N, C-alpha and C. Protein backbone atom coordinates (compact mmCIF):
# COMPACT_ATOMS: atom_id res chain seq x y z
N UNK A 1 122.99 -1.72 -131.78
CA UNK A 1 123.79 -2.91 -131.59
C UNK A 1 124.26 -3.42 -132.94
N UNK A 2 125.39 -4.04 -132.93
CA UNK A 2 125.93 -4.62 -134.15
C UNK A 2 125.36 -6.01 -134.37
N UNK A 3 125.25 -6.36 -135.63
CA UNK A 3 124.79 -7.73 -135.90
C UNK A 3 125.95 -8.69 -135.70
N UNK A 4 125.63 -9.97 -135.57
CA UNK A 4 126.66 -10.96 -135.29
C UNK A 4 127.63 -11.10 -136.46
N UNK A 5 127.16 -10.87 -137.69
CA UNK A 5 128.08 -10.98 -138.83
C UNK A 5 129.08 -9.84 -138.82
N UNK A 6 128.63 -8.64 -138.42
CA UNK A 6 129.57 -7.52 -138.32
C UNK A 6 130.61 -7.78 -137.25
N UNK A 7 130.19 -8.35 -136.15
CA UNK A 7 131.11 -8.64 -135.05
C UNK A 7 132.13 -9.68 -135.49
N UNK A 8 131.70 -10.71 -136.20
CA UNK A 8 132.62 -11.75 -136.64
C UNK A 8 133.63 -11.19 -137.63
N UNK A 9 133.24 -10.27 -138.49
CA UNK A 9 134.16 -9.69 -139.45
C UNK A 9 135.22 -8.86 -138.75
N UNK A 10 134.86 -8.23 -137.63
CA UNK A 10 135.79 -7.35 -136.95
C UNK A 10 136.90 -8.08 -136.22
N UNK A 11 136.63 -9.24 -135.65
CA UNK A 11 137.69 -9.84 -134.88
C UNK A 11 137.50 -11.29 -134.52
N UNK A 12 136.58 -11.94 -135.12
CA UNK A 12 136.45 -13.36 -134.89
C UNK A 12 135.63 -13.75 -133.69
N UNK A 13 135.95 -14.90 -133.17
CA UNK A 13 135.14 -15.54 -132.14
C UNK A 13 135.14 -14.76 -130.82
N UNK A 14 136.24 -14.14 -130.47
CA UNK A 14 136.31 -13.38 -129.22
C UNK A 14 135.31 -12.25 -129.19
N UNK A 15 135.25 -11.49 -130.27
CA UNK A 15 134.29 -10.38 -130.33
C UNK A 15 132.85 -10.91 -130.37
N UNK A 16 132.65 -12.04 -131.02
CA UNK A 16 131.32 -12.65 -131.08
C UNK A 16 130.85 -13.01 -129.68
N UNK A 17 131.72 -13.61 -128.88
CA UNK A 17 131.37 -13.98 -127.52
C UNK A 17 131.14 -12.76 -126.63
N UNK A 18 131.96 -11.74 -126.81
CA UNK A 18 131.79 -10.51 -126.03
C UNK A 18 130.45 -9.86 -126.38
N UNK A 19 130.11 -9.84 -127.65
CA UNK A 19 128.83 -9.27 -128.09
C UNK A 19 127.66 -10.00 -127.42
N UNK A 20 127.69 -11.31 -127.42
CA UNK A 20 126.61 -12.08 -126.83
C UNK A 20 126.60 -11.95 -125.31
N UNK A 21 127.76 -11.83 -124.69
CA UNK A 21 127.80 -11.62 -123.25
C UNK A 21 127.20 -10.27 -122.87
N UNK A 22 127.52 -9.22 -123.63
CA UNK A 22 126.95 -7.90 -123.37
C UNK A 22 125.45 -7.89 -123.59
N UNK A 23 125.00 -8.52 -124.66
CA UNK A 23 123.57 -8.58 -124.94
C UNK A 23 122.84 -9.35 -123.85
N UNK A 24 123.40 -10.45 -123.41
CA UNK A 24 122.79 -11.23 -122.33
C UNK A 24 122.71 -10.42 -121.05
N UNK A 25 123.77 -9.69 -120.74
CA UNK A 25 123.78 -8.86 -119.54
C UNK A 25 122.72 -7.76 -119.65
N UNK A 26 122.59 -7.15 -120.84
CA UNK A 26 121.61 -6.10 -121.04
C UNK A 26 120.18 -6.64 -120.87
N UNK A 27 119.93 -7.83 -121.41
CA UNK A 27 118.60 -8.43 -121.27
C UNK A 27 118.31 -8.81 -119.83
N UNK A 28 119.30 -9.33 -119.12
CA UNK A 28 119.11 -9.67 -117.71
C UNK A 28 118.84 -8.41 -116.89
N UNK A 29 119.55 -7.34 -117.17
CA UNK A 29 119.33 -6.07 -116.47
C UNK A 29 117.95 -5.51 -116.77
N UNK A 30 117.52 -5.62 -118.02
CA UNK A 30 116.19 -5.14 -118.39
C UNK A 30 115.11 -5.94 -117.69
N UNK A 31 115.30 -7.25 -117.59
CA UNK A 31 114.33 -8.09 -116.90
C UNK A 31 114.27 -7.74 -115.41
N UNK A 32 115.42 -7.49 -114.81
CA UNK A 32 115.44 -7.08 -113.40
C UNK A 32 114.76 -5.72 -113.23
N UNK A 33 114.93 -4.81 -114.21
CA UNK A 33 114.28 -3.50 -114.13
C UNK A 33 112.77 -3.64 -114.19
N UNK A 34 112.29 -4.53 -115.04
CA UNK A 34 110.85 -4.76 -115.14
C UNK A 34 110.31 -5.32 -113.83
N UNK A 35 110.97 -6.31 -113.29
CA UNK A 35 110.51 -6.92 -112.03
C UNK A 35 110.57 -5.91 -110.89
N UNK A 36 111.66 -5.17 -110.79
CA UNK A 36 111.78 -4.18 -109.72
C UNK A 36 110.76 -3.06 -109.91
N UNK A 37 110.53 -2.66 -111.16
CA UNK A 37 109.55 -1.60 -111.41
C UNK A 37 108.15 -2.02 -111.05
N UNK A 38 107.79 -3.26 -111.36
CA UNK A 38 106.46 -3.76 -111.00
C UNK A 38 106.34 -3.90 -109.48
N UNK A 39 107.40 -4.40 -108.85
CA UNK A 39 107.35 -4.61 -107.40
C UNK A 39 107.23 -3.30 -106.63
N UNK A 40 107.83 -2.22 -107.13
CA UNK A 40 107.79 -0.94 -106.44
C UNK A 40 106.78 0.02 -107.05
N UNK A 41 106.03 -0.46 -108.05
CA UNK A 41 105.05 0.36 -108.76
C UNK A 41 105.70 1.57 -109.43
N UNK A 42 106.93 1.40 -109.88
CA UNK A 42 107.65 2.46 -110.60
C UNK A 42 107.46 2.20 -112.09
N UNK A 43 106.51 2.88 -112.69
CA UNK A 43 106.16 2.62 -114.08
C UNK A 43 107.23 3.09 -115.06
N UNK A 44 108.01 4.10 -114.68
CA UNK A 44 109.09 4.56 -115.58
C UNK A 44 110.15 3.47 -115.70
N UNK A 45 110.52 2.88 -114.59
CA UNK A 45 111.51 1.79 -114.60
C UNK A 45 110.98 0.59 -115.37
N UNK A 46 109.73 0.24 -115.16
CA UNK A 46 109.12 -0.88 -115.88
C UNK A 46 109.07 -0.62 -117.37
N UNK A 47 108.69 0.60 -117.75
CA UNK A 47 108.57 0.95 -119.16
C UNK A 47 109.92 0.91 -119.86
N UNK A 48 110.97 1.41 -119.21
CA UNK A 48 112.29 1.38 -119.84
C UNK A 48 112.80 -0.05 -120.00
N UNK A 49 112.55 -0.88 -119.01
CA UNK A 49 112.95 -2.28 -119.11
C UNK A 49 112.20 -3.01 -120.20
N UNK A 50 110.90 -2.76 -120.31
CA UNK A 50 110.10 -3.39 -121.36
C UNK A 50 110.52 -2.92 -122.75
N UNK A 51 110.91 -1.67 -122.88
CA UNK A 51 111.36 -1.16 -124.17
C UNK A 51 112.62 -1.89 -124.63
N UNK A 52 113.54 -2.13 -123.73
CA UNK A 52 114.76 -2.86 -124.08
C UNK A 52 114.43 -4.30 -124.44
N UNK A 53 113.58 -4.94 -123.65
CA UNK A 53 113.20 -6.32 -123.95
C UNK A 53 112.48 -6.43 -125.28
N UNK A 54 111.56 -5.52 -125.57
CA UNK A 54 110.85 -5.55 -126.84
C UNK A 54 111.78 -5.33 -128.02
N UNK A 55 112.76 -4.47 -127.84
CA UNK A 55 113.70 -4.19 -128.93
C UNK A 55 114.54 -5.42 -129.26
N UNK A 56 115.02 -6.10 -128.25
CA UNK A 56 115.93 -7.23 -128.48
C UNK A 56 115.22 -8.55 -128.69
N UNK A 57 114.07 -8.72 -128.07
CA UNK A 57 113.39 -10.01 -128.17
C UNK A 57 112.28 -10.02 -129.21
N UNK A 58 112.00 -8.89 -129.84
CA UNK A 58 110.95 -8.83 -130.85
C UNK A 58 111.13 -9.81 -131.99
N UNK A 59 112.29 -9.83 -132.64
CA UNK A 59 112.49 -10.80 -133.73
C UNK A 59 112.41 -12.24 -133.26
N UNK A 60 112.91 -12.53 -132.07
CA UNK A 60 112.86 -13.89 -131.55
C UNK A 60 111.41 -14.31 -131.27
N UNK A 61 110.63 -13.41 -130.70
CA UNK A 61 109.23 -13.73 -130.40
C UNK A 61 108.42 -13.93 -131.68
N UNK A 62 108.72 -13.15 -132.72
CA UNK A 62 108.02 -13.33 -133.99
C UNK A 62 108.33 -14.71 -134.57
N UNK A 63 109.58 -15.11 -134.47
CA UNK A 63 109.97 -16.43 -134.96
C UNK A 63 109.29 -17.55 -134.15
N UNK A 64 109.25 -17.41 -132.83
CA UNK A 64 108.61 -18.42 -131.99
C UNK A 64 107.11 -18.49 -132.25
N UNK A 65 106.48 -17.36 -132.50
CA UNK A 65 105.04 -17.40 -132.77
C UNK A 65 104.75 -18.07 -134.11
N UNK A 66 105.63 -17.89 -135.10
CA UNK A 66 105.47 -18.60 -136.38
C UNK A 66 105.63 -20.10 -136.17
N UNK A 67 106.58 -20.50 -135.35
CA UNK A 67 106.77 -21.92 -135.06
C UNK A 67 105.55 -22.51 -134.35
N UNK A 68 104.96 -21.75 -133.44
CA UNK A 68 103.77 -22.22 -132.72
C UNK A 68 102.58 -22.41 -133.66
N UNK A 69 102.43 -21.49 -134.61
CA UNK A 69 101.32 -21.62 -135.54
C UNK A 69 101.49 -22.81 -136.47
N UNK A 70 102.74 -23.14 -136.80
CA UNK A 70 102.98 -24.27 -137.71
C UNK A 70 102.77 -25.61 -137.02
N UNK A 71 103.12 -25.71 -135.76
CA UNK A 71 103.10 -27.01 -135.09
C UNK A 71 102.05 -27.12 -134.13
């Protein structure tokens, strides 16, 4: 995935919004895959969904855990 600064350099606000819309859709799909995989006991589906969530939400979770430790 491209970083937001790369997207902004390429074409401004429109590309920035498209990037975030695609990322949001990917995260929503991954979350649905995890829920569906757990509900049907399909561990391959669950594992692929968790891999996507861990890849995209890892930096955010690290930041949130630092905030929790401070406050």
